Amino acid sequence: MKTLYLRNVPDEVSAGLAALAAREGLTVSAFALRELSHAARRAGNHALLGDLPDLDVSAKDVIADVEAGRAAR
């Protein structure tokens, strides 16, 4: 397992991380590790999306269908 050191972390970032960690009852290190783990999992998303078939459906059509579904409620 690697050790990661971060340098030049702005005070406002450090304070924000400390506040978020405290809210969840975690240390800053545990909170940062969890958030970095989530970010690292996204590294392969572009490959995953690239492997999906092209269904030739436009974003405009998807939005129209979503709006129609919401209006039907």
C-alpha atoms as a PDB file:
ATOM      1  CA  MET A   1       0.000   0.000   0.000  1.00  0.00           C
ATOM      2  CA  LYS A   2       1.289   3.448  -0.910  1.00  0.00           C
ATOM      3  CA  THR A   3       1.518   6.542   1.245  1.00  0.00           C
ATOM      4  CA  LEU A   4       0.382   9.775  -0.351  1.00  0.00           C
ATOM      5  CA  TYR A   5       1.530  13.166   0.867  1.00  0.00           C
ATOM      6  CA  LEU A   6      -0.192  16.325  -0.293  1.00  0.00           C
ATOM      7  CA  ARG A   7       1.648  19.621  -0.264  1.00  0.00           C
ATOM      8  CA  ASN A   8       0.501  23.182  -0.757  1.00  0.00           C
ATOM      9  CA  VAL A   9      -3.090  22.434   0.241  1.00  0.00           C
ATOM     10  CA  PRO A  10      -4.847  25.807   0.524  1.00  0.00           C
ATOM     11  CA  ASP A  11      -6.139  26.656   3.998  1.00  0.00           C
ATOM     12  CA  GLU A  12      -9.740  26.822   2.795  1.00  0.00           C
ATOM     13  CA  VAL A  13      -9.485  23.321   1.277  1.00  0.00           C
ATOM     14  CA  SER A  14      -7.981  21.936   4.473  1.00  0.00           C
ATOM     15  CA  ALA A  15     -10.668  23.610   6.587  1.00  0.00           C
ATOM     16  CA  GLY A  16     -13.416  22.337   4.285  1.00  0.00           C
ATOM     17  CA  LEU A  17     -12.103  18.778   4.461  1.00  0.00           C
ATOM     18  CA  ALA A  18     -11.861  18.996   8.243  1.00  0.00           C
ATOM     19  CA  ALA A  19     -15.466  20.229   8.493  1.00  0.00           C
ATOM     20  CA  LEU A  20     -16.781  17.503   6.188  1.00  0.00           C
ATOM     21  CA  ALA A  21     -14.829  14.822   8.027  1.00  0.00           C
ATOM     22  CA  ALA A  22     -16.055  16.031  11.421  1.00  0.00           C
ATOM     23  CA  ARG A  23     -19.660  15.967  10.223  1.00  0.00           C
ATOM     24  CA  GLU A  24     -19.254  12.301   9.391  1.00  0.00           C
ATOM     25  CA  GLY A  25     -17.236  11.427  12.470  1.00  0.00           C
ATOM     26  CA  LEU A  26     -14.126  10.644  10.436  1.00  0.00           C
ATOM     27  CA  THR A  27     -10.558  11.795  10.536  1.00  0.00           C
ATOM     28  CA  VAL A  28      -9.473  14.047   7.689  1.00  0.00           C
ATOM     29  CA  SER A  29      -7.238  11.236   6.467  1.00  0.00           C
ATOM     30  CA  ALA A  30     -10.094   8.688   6.420  1.00  0.00           C
ATOM     31  CA  PHE A  31     -12.435  11.156   4.738  1.00  0.00           C
ATOM     32  CA  ALA A  32      -9.842  12.122   2.109  1.00  0.00           C
ATOM     33  CA  LEU A  33      -9.026   8.476   1.422  1.00  0.00           C
ATOM     34  CA  ARG A  34     -12.714   7.677   0.900  1.00  0.00           C
ATOM     35  CA  GLU A  35     -13.187  10.623  -1.468  1.00  0.00           C
ATOM     36  CA  LEU A  36     -10.011   9.835  -3.403  1.00  0.00           C
ATOM     37  CA  SER A  37     -11.142   6.204  -3.712  1.00  0.00           C
ATOM     38  CA  HIS A  38     -14.436   7.361  -5.242  1.00  0.00           C
ATOM     39  CA  ALA A  39     -12.562   9.616  -7.672  1.00  0.00           C
ATOM     40  CA  ALA A  40     -10.127   6.843  -8.645  1.00  0.00           C
ATOM     41  CA  ARG A  41     -13.003   4.502  -9.505  1.00  0.00           C
ATOM     42  CA  ARG A  42     -14.174   7.002 -12.114  1.00  0.00           C
ATOM     43  CA  ALA A  43     -10.846   6.759 -13.975  1.00  0.00           C
ATOM     44  CA  GLY A  44     -12.180   3.926 -16.145  1.00  0.00           C
ATOM     45  CA  ASN A  45     -15.576   5.486 -16.860  1.00  0.00           C
ATOM     46  CA  HIS A  46     -14.594   6.791 -20.300  1.00  0.00           C
ATOM     47  CA  ALA A  47     -13.601   3.275 -21.372  1.00  0.00           C
ATOM     48  CA  LEU A  48     -16.822   1.860 -19.944  1.00  0.00           C
ATOM     49  CA  LEU A  49     -18.892   4.427 -21.803  1.00  0.00           C
ATOM     50  CA  GLY A  50     -16.903   3.849 -24.974  1.00  0.00           C
ATOM     51  CA  ASP A  51     -17.796   0.167 -24.886  1.00  0.00           C
ATOM     52  CA  LEU A  52     -21.535   0.839 -24.813  1.00  0.00           C
ATOM     53  CA  PRO A  53     -23.433   0.403 -28.070  1.00  0.00           C
ATOM     54  CA  ASP A  54     -24.546   3.522 -29.926  1.00  0.00           C
ATOM     55  CA  LEU A  55     -28.344   3.439 -29.822  1.00  0.00           C
ATOM     56  CA  ASP A  56     -28.616   6.520 -32.032  1.00  0.00           C
ATOM     57  CA  VAL A  57     -30.887   8.306 -29.558  1.00  0.00           C
ATOM     58  CA  SER A  58     -30.383  12.034 -29.294  1.00  0.00           C
ATOM     59  CA  ALA A  59     -30.168  13.892 -26.024  1.00  0.00           C
ATOM     60  CA  LYS A  60     -33.050  16.047 -27.249  1.00  0.00           C
ATOM     61  CA  ASP A  61     -35.277  12.951 -27.535  1.00  0.00           C
ATOM     62  CA  VAL A  62     -34.280  11.731 -24.088  1.00  0.00           C
ATOM     63  CA  ILE A  63     -35.064  15.121 -22.540  1.00  0.00           C
ATOM     64  CA  ALA A  64     -38.421  15.264 -24.306  1.00  0.00           C
ATOM     65  CA  ASP A  65     -39.326  11.793 -22.999  1.00  0.00           C
ATOM     66  CA  VAL A  66     -38.308  12.699 -19.453  1.00  0.00           C
ATOM     67  CA  GLU A  67     -40.338  15.902 -19.569  1.00  0.00           C
ATOM     68  CA  ALA A  68     -43.342  14.031 -20.965  1.00  0.00           C
ATOM     69  CA  GLY A  69     -43.080  11.480 -18.180  1.00  0.00           C
ATOM     70  CA  ARG A  70     -42.941  14.212 -15.550  1.00  0.00           C
ATOM     71  CA  ALA A  71     -45.949  15.981 -17.069  1.00  0.00           C
ATOM     72  CA  ALA A  72     -47.959  12.740 -16.961  1.00  0.00           C
ATOM     73  CA  ARG A  73     -47.711  12.550 -13.157  1.00  0.00           C
END
